[in-house]
Protein backbone atom coordinates (compact mmCIF):
# COMPACT_ATOMS: atom_id res chain seq x y z
CA UNK A 1 0.00 0.00 0.00
CA UNK A 2 1.21 3.39 -0.85
CA UNK A 3 -0.40 5.20 2.14
CA UNK A 4 -2.67 7.29 -0.04
CA UNK A 5 -6.06 8.03 1.52
CA UNK A 6 -8.91 7.88 -0.98
CA UNK A 7 -11.14 10.93 -1.27
CA UNK A 8 -14.50 10.61 0.46
CA UNK A 9 -17.26 9.92 -1.97
CA UNK A 10 -21.00 10.14 -1.56
CA UNK A 11 -22.49 8.70 1.63
CA UNK A 12 -23.31 5.05 1.54
CA UNK A 13 -25.95 5.29 4.30
CA UNK A 14 -28.20 8.28 4.78
CA UNK A 15 -29.26 8.15 8.44
CA UNK A 16 -29.78 10.64 11.21
CA UNK A 17 -26.96 10.86 13.71
CA UNK A 18 -27.45 9.00 16.99
CA UNK A 19 -26.41 11.90 19.17
CA UNK A 20 -27.73 15.45 19.14
CA UNK A 21 -25.50 18.27 20.29
CA UNK A 22 -26.71 20.36 23.22
CA UNK A 23 -28.85 23.23 22.04
CA UNK A 24 -30.03 21.50 18.88
CA UNK A 25 -33.21 19.57 18.16
CA UNK A 26 -35.35 18.54 21.12
CA UNK A 27 -32.81 19.67 23.70
CA UNK A 28 -33.22 23.28 22.55
CA UNK A 29 -36.89 23.37 23.68
CA UNK A 30 -36.40 21.46 26.93
CA UNK A 31 -37.21 23.53 30.00
CA UNK A 32 -36.48 21.77 33.27
CA UNK A 33 -38.53 24.15 35.39
CA UNK A 34 -41.45 23.95 32.96
CA UNK A 35 -41.39 20.15 33.08
CA UNK A 36 -41.03 20.21 36.85
CA UNK A 37 -44.00 22.56 37.18
CA UNK A 38 -46.19 20.50 34.86
CA UNK A 39 -45.23 17.29 36.68
CA UNK A 40 -45.93 18.77 40.10
CA UNK A 41 -49.26 20.20 38.95
CA UNK A 42 -50.40 16.92 37.42
CA UNK A 43 -49.20 14.95 40.44
CA UNK A 44 -50.93 17.20 42.94
CA UNK A 45 -54.13 17.20 40.88
CA UNK A 46 -54.16 13.41 40.64
CA UNK A 47 -53.37 13.07 44.35
CA UNK A 48 -56.10 15.49 45.39
CA UNK A 49 -58.61 13.72 43.14
CA UNK A 50 -57.61 10.37 44.69
CA UNK A 51 -57.93 11.73 48.24
CA UNK A 52 -61.32 13.36 47.65
CA UNK A 53 -62.57 10.10 46.12
CA UNK A 54 -61.53 8.20 49.24
CA UNK A 55 -62.83 10.89 51.61
CA UNK A 56 -66.21 10.63 49.87
CA UNK A 57 -66.13 6.84 50.08
CA UNK A 58 -65.20 6.99 53.78
CA UNK A 59 -68.05 9.46 54.43
CA UNK A 60 -70.57 7.20 52.67
CA UNK A 61 -69.43 4.18 54.69
CA UNK A 62 -69.68 6.16 57.94
CA UNK A 63 -73.20 7.33 57.02
CA UNK A 64 -74.23 3.75 56.23
CA UNK A 65 -73.07 2.45 59.60
CA UNK A 66 -74.61 5.43 61.43
CA UNK A 67 -77.95 4.73 59.75
CA UNK A 68 -77.57 1.04 60.58
CA UNK A 69 -76.93 1.87 64.24
CA UNK A 70 -80.00 4.14 64.35
CA UNK A 71 -82.11 1.39 62.79
CA UNK A 72 -80.83 -1.20 65.28
CA UNK A 73 -81.48 1.19 68.19
CA UNK A 74 -85.06 1.82 67.04
CA UNK A 75 -85.64 -1.93 66.60
CA UNK A 76 -84.26 -2.53 70.08
CA UNK A 77 -86.63 0.07 71.53
CA UNK A 78 -89.54 -1.61 69.73
CA UNK A 79 -88.50 -5.00 71.13
CA UNK A 80 -88.24 -3.59 74.65
CA UNK A 81 -91.66 -1.92 74.31
CA UNK A 82 -93.14 -5.22 73.08
CA UNK A 83 -91.57 -7.09 76.03
CA UNK A 84 -92.89 -4.51 78.52
CA UNK A 85 -96.35 -4.75 76.99
CA UNK A 86 -96.23 -8.55 77.17
CA UNK A 87 -95.10 -8.42 80.83
CA UNK A 88 -97.88 -5.96 81.63
CA UNK A 89 -100.38 -8.27 79.94
CA UNK A 90 -99.10 -11.31 81.83
CA UNK A 91 -99.07 -9.39 85.10
CA UNK A 92 -102.65 -8.26 84.55
CA UNK A 93 -103.63 -11.86 83.71
CA UNK A 94 -101.98 -13.20 86.85
CA UNK A 95 -103.49 -10.56 89.11
CA UNK A 96 -107.00 -11.06 87.83
C-alpha atoms as a PDB file:
ATOM      1  CA  UNK A   1       0.000   0.000   0.000  1.00  0.00           C
ATOM      2  CA  UNK A   2       1.213   3.386  -0.847  1.00  0.00           C
ATOM      3  CA  UNK A   3      -0.401   5.196   2.144  1.00  0.00           C
ATOM      4  CA  UNK A   4      -2.672   7.289  -0.036  1.00  0.00           C
ATOM      5  CA  UNK A   5      -6.060   8.028   1.522  1.00  0.00           C
ATOM      6  CA  UNK A   6      -8.906   7.879  -0.978  1.00  0.00           C
ATOM      7  CA  UNK A   7     -11.142  10.932  -1.272  1.00  0.00           C
ATOM      8  CA  UNK A   8     -14.500  10.613   0.462  1.00  0.00           C
ATOM      9  CA  UNK A   9     -17.259   9.915  -1.969  1.00  0.00           C
ATOM     10  CA  UNK A  10     -21.002  10.142  -1.560  1.00  0.00           C
ATOM     11  CA  UNK A  11     -22.485   8.704   1.629  1.00  0.00           C
ATOM     12  CA  UNK A  12     -23.312   5.045   1.543  1.00  0.00           C
ATOM     13  CA  UNK A  13     -25.949   5.294   4.299  1.00  0.00           C
ATOM     14  CA  UNK A  14     -28.198   8.281   4.785  1.00  0.00           C
ATOM     15  CA  UNK A  15     -29.258   8.152   8.443  1.00  0.00           C
ATOM     16  CA  UNK A  16     -29.777  10.643  11.206  1.00  0.00           C
ATOM     17  CA  UNK A  17     -26.963  10.859  13.709  1.00  0.00           C
ATOM     18  CA  UNK A  18     -27.448   9.002  16.987  1.00  0.00           C
ATOM     19  CA  UNK A  19     -26.410  11.900  19.171  1.00  0.00           C
ATOM     20  CA  UNK A  20     -27.729  15.455  19.137  1.00  0.00           C
ATOM     21  CA  UNK A  21     -25.502  18.266  20.293  1.00  0.00           C
ATOM     22  CA  UNK A  22     -26.713  20.362  23.222  1.00  0.00           C
ATOM     23  CA  UNK A  23     -28.846  23.234  22.041  1.00  0.00           C
ATOM     24  CA  UNK A  24     -30.026  21.498  18.882  1.00  0.00           C
ATOM     25  CA  UNK A  25     -33.207  19.568  18.163  1.00  0.00           C
ATOM     26  CA  UNK A  26     -35.354  18.540  21.117  1.00  0.00           C
ATOM     27  CA  UNK A  27     -32.807  19.671  23.697  1.00  0.00           C
ATOM     28  CA  UNK A  28     -33.220  23.276  22.551  1.00  0.00           C
ATOM     29  CA  UNK A  29     -36.886  23.366  23.681  1.00  0.00           C
ATOM     30  CA  UNK A  30     -36.402  21.456  26.930  1.00  0.00           C
ATOM     31  CA  UNK A  31     -37.214  23.531  29.998  1.00  0.00           C
ATOM     32  CA  UNK A  32     -36.483  21.769  33.266  1.00  0.00           C
ATOM     33  CA  UNK A  33     -38.530  24.146  35.389  1.00  0.00           C
ATOM     34  CA  UNK A  34     -41.448  23.948  32.963  1.00  0.00           C
ATOM     35  CA  UNK A  35     -41.393  20.153  33.079  1.00  0.00           C
ATOM     36  CA  UNK A  36     -41.026  20.214  36.848  1.00  0.00           C
ATOM     37  CA  UNK A  37     -44.005  22.562  37.176  1.00  0.00           C
ATOM     38  CA  UNK A  38     -46.186  20.497  34.862  1.00  0.00           C
ATOM     39  CA  UNK A  39     -45.226  17.294  36.683  1.00  0.00           C
ATOM     40  CA  UNK A  40     -45.935  18.772  40.100  1.00  0.00           C
ATOM     41  CA  UNK A  41     -49.259  20.201  38.945  1.00  0.00           C
ATOM     42  CA  UNK A  42     -50.400  16.921  37.419  1.00  0.00           C
ATOM     43  CA  UNK A  43     -49.196  14.948  40.438  1.00  0.00           C
ATOM     44  CA  UNK A  44     -50.932  17.197  42.943  1.00  0.00           C
ATOM     45  CA  UNK A  45     -54.132  17.201  40.883  1.00  0.00           C
ATOM     46  CA  UNK A  46     -54.162  13.412  40.641  1.00  0.00           C
ATOM     47  CA  UNK A  47     -53.372  13.069  44.352  1.00  0.00           C
ATOM     48  CA  UNK A  48     -56.104  15.490  45.392  1.00  0.00           C
ATOM     49  CA  UNK A  49     -58.612  13.723  43.144  1.00  0.00           C
ATOM     50  CA  UNK A  50     -57.611  10.374  44.688  1.00  0.00           C
ATOM     51  CA  UNK A  51     -57.927  11.729  48.238  1.00  0.00           C
ATOM     52  CA  UNK A  52     -61.318  13.357  47.650  1.00  0.00           C
ATOM     53  CA  UNK A  53     -62.570  10.097  46.122  1.00  0.00           C
ATOM     54  CA  UNK A  54     -61.527   8.199  49.240  1.00  0.00           C
ATOM     55  CA  UNK A  55     -62.829  10.887  51.614  1.00  0.00           C
ATOM     56  CA  UNK A  56     -66.208  10.627  49.875  1.00  0.00           C
ATOM     57  CA  UNK A  57     -66.130   6.841  50.084  1.00  0.00           C
ATOM     58  CA  UNK A  58     -65.201   6.993  53.776  1.00  0.00           C
ATOM     59  CA  UNK A  59     -68.045   9.456  54.432  1.00  0.00           C
ATOM     60  CA  UNK A  60     -70.569   7.202  52.667  1.00  0.00           C
ATOM     61  CA  UNK A  61     -69.433   4.179  54.686  1.00  0.00           C
ATOM     62  CA  UNK A  62     -69.679   6.163  57.940  1.00  0.00           C
ATOM     63  CA  UNK A  63     -73.195   7.331  57.021  1.00  0.00           C
ATOM     64  CA  UNK A  64     -74.228   3.752  56.229  1.00  0.00           C
ATOM     65  CA  UNK A  65     -73.070   2.451  59.599  1.00  0.00           C
ATOM     66  CA  UNK A  66     -74.608   5.434  61.433  1.00  0.00           C
ATOM     67  CA  UNK A  67     -77.952   4.728  59.755  1.00  0.00           C
ATOM     68  CA  UNK A  68     -77.574   1.035  60.583  1.00  0.00           C
ATOM     69  CA  UNK A  69     -76.928   1.873  64.244  1.00  0.00           C
ATOM     70  CA  UNK A  70     -80.002   4.138  64.345  1.00  0.00           C
ATOM     71  CA  UNK A  71     -82.108   1.390  62.793  1.00  0.00           C
ATOM     72  CA  UNK A  72     -80.832  -1.201  65.276  1.00  0.00           C
ATOM     73  CA  UNK A  73     -81.483   1.189  68.185  1.00  0.00           C
ATOM     74  CA  UNK A  74     -85.059   1.825  67.045  1.00  0.00           C
ATOM     75  CA  UNK A  75     -85.640  -1.928  66.604  1.00  0.00           C
ATOM     76  CA  UNK A  76     -84.257  -2.534  70.083  1.00  0.00           C
ATOM     77  CA  UNK A  77     -86.632   0.072  71.531  1.00  0.00           C
ATOM     78  CA  UNK A  78     -89.542  -1.615  69.731  1.00  0.00           C
ATOM     79  CA  UNK A  79     -88.503  -5.003  71.135  1.00  0.00           C
ATOM     80  CA  UNK A  80     -88.244  -3.588  74.655  1.00  0.00           C
ATOM     81  CA  UNK A  81     -91.658  -1.920  74.307  1.00  0.00           C
ATOM     82  CA  UNK A  82     -93.140  -5.216  73.078  1.00  0.00           C
ATOM     83  CA  UNK A  83     -91.568  -7.085  76.026  1.00  0.00           C
ATOM     84  CA  UNK A  84     -92.893  -4.508  78.519  1.00  0.00           C
ATOM     85  CA  UNK A  85     -96.351  -4.748  76.985  1.00  0.00           C
ATOM     86  CA  UNK A  86     -96.226  -8.550  77.172  1.00  0.00           C
ATOM     87  CA  UNK A  87     -95.100  -8.424  80.830  1.00  0.00           C
ATOM     88  CA  UNK A  88     -97.876  -5.959  81.632  1.00  0.00           C
ATOM     89  CA  UNK A  89    -100.384  -8.266  79.939  1.00  0.00           C
ATOM     90  CA  UNK A  90     -99.096 -11.314  81.827  1.00  0.00           C
ATOM     91  CA  UNK A  91     -99.068  -9.386  85.098  1.00  0.00           C
ATOM     92  CA  UNK A  92    -102.655  -8.257  84.546  1.00  0.00           C
ATOM     93  CA  UNK A  93    -103.635 -11.865  83.712  1.00  0.00           C
ATOM     94  CA  UNK A  94    -101.976 -13.196  86.849  1.00  0.00           C
ATOM     95  CA  UNK A  95    -103.485 -10.555  89.110  1.00  0.00           C
ATOM     96  CA  UNK A  96    -107.003 -11.056  87.833  1.00  0.00           C
END
